[in-house]
Amino acid sequence: MIDVTTTRKIALDTHLPLLIFVLLISVALLSGLLAGYAMAARQRRSWLHILSYALAIAITIYAVVSLDYPRSGLIRLDAADRAMLQLRDSIH
């Protein structure tokens, strides 16, 4: 049981390296630059494409950050927490 709790604690305290976040933001900015450059040749802007691109990038970044910090955000570990609490209560 001690090994399981230690493994769980280490897994929750281990986060993605800063390089991953820097690369994710860099790819988002570079792809936005290329998309903007391609759309500059048009006479009218396509708001559907602009909004869908911004939404896709925002959801991707939010999902990565939310998976890295599972105690906050929309992706939660409440079921795992309840299981650990039930296990703790059953031991006492």
N, C-alpha and C. Protein backbone atom coordinates (compact mmCIF):
# COMPACT_ATOMS: atom_id res chain seq x y z
N MET A 1 0.82 -1.19 0.00
CA MET A 1 0.00 0.00 0.00
C MET A 1 0.87 1.26 0.00
N ILE A 2 1.99 1.20 0.69
CA ILE A 2 2.87 2.36 0.74
C ILE A 2 3.43 2.66 -0.64
N ASP A 3 3.77 1.64 -1.40
CA ASP A 3 4.30 1.85 -2.75
C ASP A 3 3.27 2.49 -3.67
N VAL A 4 1.99 2.12 -3.50
CA VAL A 4 0.94 2.68 -4.35
C VAL A 4 0.77 4.16 -4.06
N THR A 5 0.75 4.55 -2.80
CA THR A 5 0.58 5.96 -2.48
C THR A 5 1.79 6.78 -2.89
N THR A 6 2.98 6.20 -2.75
CA THR A 6 4.19 6.91 -3.19
C THR A 6 4.19 7.10 -4.70
N THR A 7 3.82 6.06 -5.42
CA THR A 7 3.75 6.14 -6.88
C THR A 7 2.72 7.18 -7.31
N ARG A 8 1.58 7.21 -6.64
CA ARG A 8 0.52 8.17 -6.97
C ARG A 8 0.99 9.59 -6.68
N LYS A 9 1.64 9.80 -5.56
CA LYS A 9 2.13 11.13 -5.20
C LYS A 9 3.18 11.62 -6.19
N ILE A 10 4.08 10.75 -6.58
CA ILE A 10 5.10 11.13 -7.56
C ILE A 10 4.46 11.46 -8.91
N ALA A 11 3.47 10.67 -9.30
CA ALA A 11 2.79 10.93 -10.58
C ALA A 11 2.05 12.26 -10.56
N LEU A 12 1.46 12.63 -9.43
CA LEU A 12 0.75 13.91 -9.35
C LEU A 12 1.69 15.10 -9.25
N ASP A 13 2.87 14.88 -8.68
CA ASP A 13 3.83 15.98 -8.53
C ASP A 13 4.74 16.15 -9.74
N THR A 14 4.75 15.20 -10.65
CA THR A 14 5.58 15.28 -11.85
C THR A 14 4.79 15.97 -12.96
N HIS A 15 5.35 17.03 -13.50
CA HIS A 15 4.67 17.79 -14.54
C HIS A 15 5.50 17.80 -15.82
N LEU A 16 4.86 18.25 -16.88
CA LEU A 16 5.55 18.35 -18.16
C LEU A 16 6.69 19.36 -18.06
N PRO A 17 7.76 19.12 -18.78
CA PRO A 17 8.84 20.11 -18.77
C PRO A 17 8.41 21.42 -19.42
N LEU A 18 9.07 22.49 -19.04
CA LEU A 18 8.75 23.81 -19.58
C LEU A 18 8.95 23.85 -21.09
N LEU A 19 9.88 23.05 -21.59
CA LEU A 19 10.14 23.01 -23.03
C LEU A 19 8.90 22.59 -23.81
N ILE A 20 8.11 21.68 -23.27
CA ILE A 20 6.88 21.24 -23.95
C ILE A 20 5.91 22.40 -24.09
N PHE A 21 5.75 23.18 -23.03
CA PHE A 21 4.85 24.33 -23.10
C PHE A 21 5.37 25.39 -24.06
N VAL A 22 6.67 25.62 -24.05
CA VAL A 22 7.27 26.59 -24.97
C VAL A 22 7.07 26.14 -26.42
N LEU A 23 7.28 24.87 -26.69
CA LEU A 23 7.07 24.36 -28.05
C LEU A 23 5.60 24.44 -28.46
N LEU A 24 4.70 24.14 -27.54
CA LEU A 24 3.27 24.21 -27.85
C LEU A 24 2.85 25.64 -28.19
N ILE A 25 3.30 26.60 -27.41
CA ILE A 25 2.98 28.00 -27.69
C ILE A 25 3.66 28.46 -28.98
N SER A 26 4.90 28.02 -29.20
CA SER A 26 5.62 28.40 -30.43
C SER A 26 4.92 27.87 -31.67
N VAL A 27 4.48 26.63 -31.63
CA VAL A 27 3.77 26.05 -32.78
C VAL A 27 2.46 26.79 -33.01
N ALA A 28 1.76 27.15 -31.94
CA ALA A 28 0.50 27.89 -32.08
C ALA A 28 0.75 29.26 -32.72
N LEU A 29 1.79 29.96 -32.25
CA LEU A 29 2.09 31.27 -32.82
C LEU A 29 2.57 31.19 -34.26
N LEU A 30 3.42 30.21 -34.56
CA LEU A 30 3.92 30.05 -35.92
C LEU A 30 2.81 29.67 -36.88
N SER A 31 1.94 28.77 -36.47
CA SER A 31 0.84 28.39 -37.36
C SER A 31 -0.14 29.56 -37.53
N GLY A 32 -0.33 30.37 -36.49
CA GLY A 32 -1.16 31.57 -36.62
C GLY A 32 -0.54 32.57 -37.58
N LEU A 33 0.78 32.71 -37.51
CA LEU A 33 1.49 33.61 -38.43
C LEU A 33 1.32 33.14 -39.87
N LEU A 34 1.49 31.85 -40.10
CA LEU A 34 1.35 31.33 -41.46
C LEU A 34 -0.09 31.44 -41.96
N ALA A 35 -1.05 31.18 -41.10
CA ALA A 35 -2.45 31.30 -41.50
C ALA A 35 -2.80 32.77 -41.80
N GLY A 36 -2.30 33.68 -40.99
CA GLY A 36 -2.55 35.10 -41.23
C GLY A 36 -1.89 35.58 -42.50
N TYR A 37 -0.70 35.08 -42.77
CA TYR A 37 0.00 35.45 -44.00
C TYR A 37 -0.77 34.96 -45.22
N ALA A 38 -1.31 33.75 -45.14
CA ALA A 38 -2.08 33.20 -46.26
C ALA A 38 -3.39 33.95 -46.45
N MET A 39 -3.99 34.40 -45.35
CA MET A 39 -5.27 35.11 -45.47
C MET A 39 -5.08 36.56 -45.87
N ALA A 40 -3.87 37.09 -45.79
CA ALA A 40 -3.63 38.50 -46.15
C ALA A 40 -3.85 38.74 -47.64
N ALA A 41 -3.70 37.72 -48.43
CA ALA A 41 -3.87 37.87 -49.88
C ALA A 41 -5.35 38.00 -50.26
N ARG A 42 -6.23 37.55 -49.40
CA ARG A 42 -7.66 37.63 -49.69
C ARG A 42 -8.17 39.05 -49.45
N GLN A 43 -9.28 39.36 -50.11
CA GLN A 43 -9.86 40.68 -49.92
C GLN A 43 -10.77 40.72 -48.70
N ARG A 44 -11.43 39.61 -48.40
CA ARG A 44 -12.33 39.55 -47.23
C ARG A 44 -11.82 38.50 -46.25
N ARG A 45 -12.02 38.77 -44.99
CA ARG A 45 -11.62 37.81 -43.96
C ARG A 45 -12.73 36.80 -43.74
N SER A 46 -12.33 35.58 -43.51
CA SER A 46 -13.29 34.53 -43.19
C SER A 46 -13.35 34.37 -41.67
N TRP A 47 -14.37 34.96 -41.07
CA TRP A 47 -14.47 34.92 -39.61
C TRP A 47 -14.68 33.51 -39.10
N LEU A 48 -15.30 32.66 -39.90
CA LEU A 48 -15.48 31.26 -39.49
C LEU A 48 -14.13 30.58 -39.34
N HIS A 49 -13.22 30.79 -40.28
CA HIS A 49 -11.90 30.19 -40.19
C HIS A 49 -11.08 30.79 -39.04
N ILE A 50 -11.19 32.07 -38.84
CA ILE A 50 -10.46 32.73 -37.77
C ILE A 50 -10.91 32.21 -36.41
N LEU A 51 -12.20 32.18 -36.20
CA LEU A 51 -12.73 31.72 -34.91
C LEU A 51 -12.50 30.23 -34.68
N SER A 52 -12.64 29.42 -35.73
CA SER A 52 -12.43 27.98 -35.55
C SER A 52 -10.95 27.67 -35.27
N TYR A 53 -10.05 28.43 -35.89
CA TYR A 53 -8.62 28.24 -35.62
C TYR A 53 -8.29 28.64 -34.19
N ALA A 54 -8.77 29.80 -33.77
CA ALA A 54 -8.50 30.28 -32.40
C ALA A 54 -9.09 29.32 -31.37
N LEU A 55 -10.28 28.82 -31.64
CA LEU A 55 -10.92 27.88 -30.71
C LEU A 55 -10.15 26.56 -30.65
N ALA A 56 -9.70 26.06 -31.78
CA ALA A 56 -8.94 24.80 -31.80
C ALA A 56 -7.62 24.93 -31.04
N ILE A 57 -6.92 26.03 -31.22
CA ILE A 57 -5.65 26.25 -30.52
C ILE A 57 -5.91 26.41 -29.02
N ALA A 58 -6.93 27.17 -28.65
CA ALA A 58 -7.23 27.38 -27.23
C ALA A 58 -7.63 26.08 -26.54
N ILE A 59 -8.44 25.27 -27.19
CA ILE A 59 -8.87 23.99 -26.60
C ILE A 59 -7.67 23.05 -26.46
N THR A 60 -6.80 23.03 -27.45
CA THR A 60 -5.62 22.16 -27.38
C THR A 60 -4.71 22.55 -26.23
N ILE A 61 -4.42 23.83 -26.10
CA ILE A 61 -3.55 24.29 -25.01
C ILE A 61 -4.21 24.04 -23.66
N TYR A 62 -5.51 24.32 -23.56
CA TYR A 62 -6.22 24.09 -22.29
C TYR A 62 -6.23 22.62 -21.92
N ALA A 63 -6.42 21.73 -22.89
CA ALA A 63 -6.45 20.29 -22.61
C ALA A 63 -5.09 19.81 -22.12
N VAL A 64 -4.02 20.28 -22.72
CA VAL A 64 -2.67 19.87 -22.29
C VAL A 64 -2.40 20.35 -20.86
N VAL A 65 -2.73 21.59 -20.58
CA VAL A 65 -2.50 22.13 -19.24
C VAL A 65 -3.41 21.44 -18.23
N SER A 66 -4.65 21.18 -18.60
CA SER A 66 -5.59 20.53 -17.70
C SER A 66 -5.19 19.08 -17.41
N LEU A 67 -4.65 18.39 -18.38
CA LEU A 67 -4.17 17.03 -18.14
C LEU A 67 -2.90 17.03 -17.28
N ASP A 68 -2.11 18.08 -17.39
CA ASP A 68 -0.89 18.16 -16.59
C ASP A 68 -1.20 18.50 -15.14
N TYR A 69 -2.24 19.29 -14.90
CA TYR A 69 -2.68 19.65 -13.55
C TYR A 69 -4.10 19.14 -13.34
N PRO A 70 -4.27 17.85 -13.01
CA PRO A 70 -5.60 17.24 -12.99
C PRO A 70 -6.50 17.68 -11.84
N ARG A 71 -6.00 18.38 -10.87
CA ARG A 71 -6.83 18.80 -9.75
C ARG A 71 -7.59 20.10 -10.03
N SER A 72 -7.27 20.77 -11.11
CA SER A 72 -7.97 21.99 -11.47
C SER A 72 -8.39 21.91 -12.93
N GLY A 73 -9.41 22.66 -13.27
CA GLY A 73 -9.87 22.65 -14.65
C GLY A 73 -11.04 21.70 -14.86
N LEU A 74 -11.34 21.44 -16.12
CA LEU A 74 -12.47 20.57 -16.44
C LEU A 74 -12.15 19.10 -16.29
N ILE A 75 -10.93 18.71 -16.51
CA ILE A 75 -10.53 17.31 -16.38
C ILE A 75 -10.13 17.10 -14.93
N ARG A 76 -10.93 16.33 -14.20
CA ARG A 76 -10.73 16.17 -12.76
C ARG A 76 -10.44 14.71 -12.42
N LEU A 77 -9.83 14.52 -11.27
CA LEU A 77 -9.56 13.18 -10.74
C LEU A 77 -10.39 12.90 -9.50
N ASP A 78 -11.63 13.34 -9.50
CA ASP A 78 -12.47 13.16 -8.32
C ASP A 78 -12.73 11.69 -8.02
N ALA A 79 -12.92 10.88 -9.05
CA ALA A 79 -13.18 9.45 -8.83
C ALA A 79 -11.99 8.77 -8.18
N ALA A 80 -10.79 9.10 -8.61
CA ALA A 80 -9.59 8.52 -8.01
C ALA A 80 -9.43 8.99 -6.57
N ASP A 81 -9.75 10.25 -6.30
CA ASP A 81 -9.68 10.76 -4.93
C ASP A 81 -10.68 10.07 -4.02
N ARG A 82 -11.90 9.86 -4.52
CA ARG A 82 -12.91 9.17 -3.71
C ARG A 82 -12.49 7.73 -3.42
N ALA A 83 -11.90 7.06 -4.40
CA ALA A 83 -11.45 5.69 -4.20
C ALA A 83 -10.36 5.63 -3.14
N MET A 84 -9.44 6.58 -3.16
CA MET A 84 -8.39 6.60 -2.15
C MET A 84 -8.94 6.91 -0.77
N LEU A 85 -9.93 7.81 -0.69
CA LEU A 85 -10.55 8.11 0.60
C LEU A 85 -11.32 6.92 1.14
N GLN A 86 -12.04 6.21 0.27
CA GLN A 86 -12.75 5.01 0.71
C GLN A 86 -11.78 3.94 1.19
N LEU A 87 -10.66 3.80 0.50
CA LEU A 87 -9.66 2.83 0.91
C LEU A 87 -9.08 3.22 2.27
N ARG A 88 -8.79 4.50 2.44
CA ARG A 88 -8.28 4.97 3.73
C ARG A 88 -9.27 4.73 4.86
N ASP A 89 -10.56 5.01 4.60
CA ASP A 89 -11.57 4.81 5.62
C ASP A 89 -11.78 3.34 5.94
N SER A 90 -11.61 2.47 4.94
CA SER A 90 -11.80 1.04 5.20
C SER A 90 -10.65 0.44 6.01
N ILE A 91 -9.48 1.08 5.96
CA ILE A 91 -8.34 0.58 6.72
C ILE A 91 -8.49 0.92 8.21
N HIS A 92 -9.04 2.10 8.50
CA HIS A 92 -9.17 2.52 9.89
C HIS A 92 -10.29 1.82 10.55
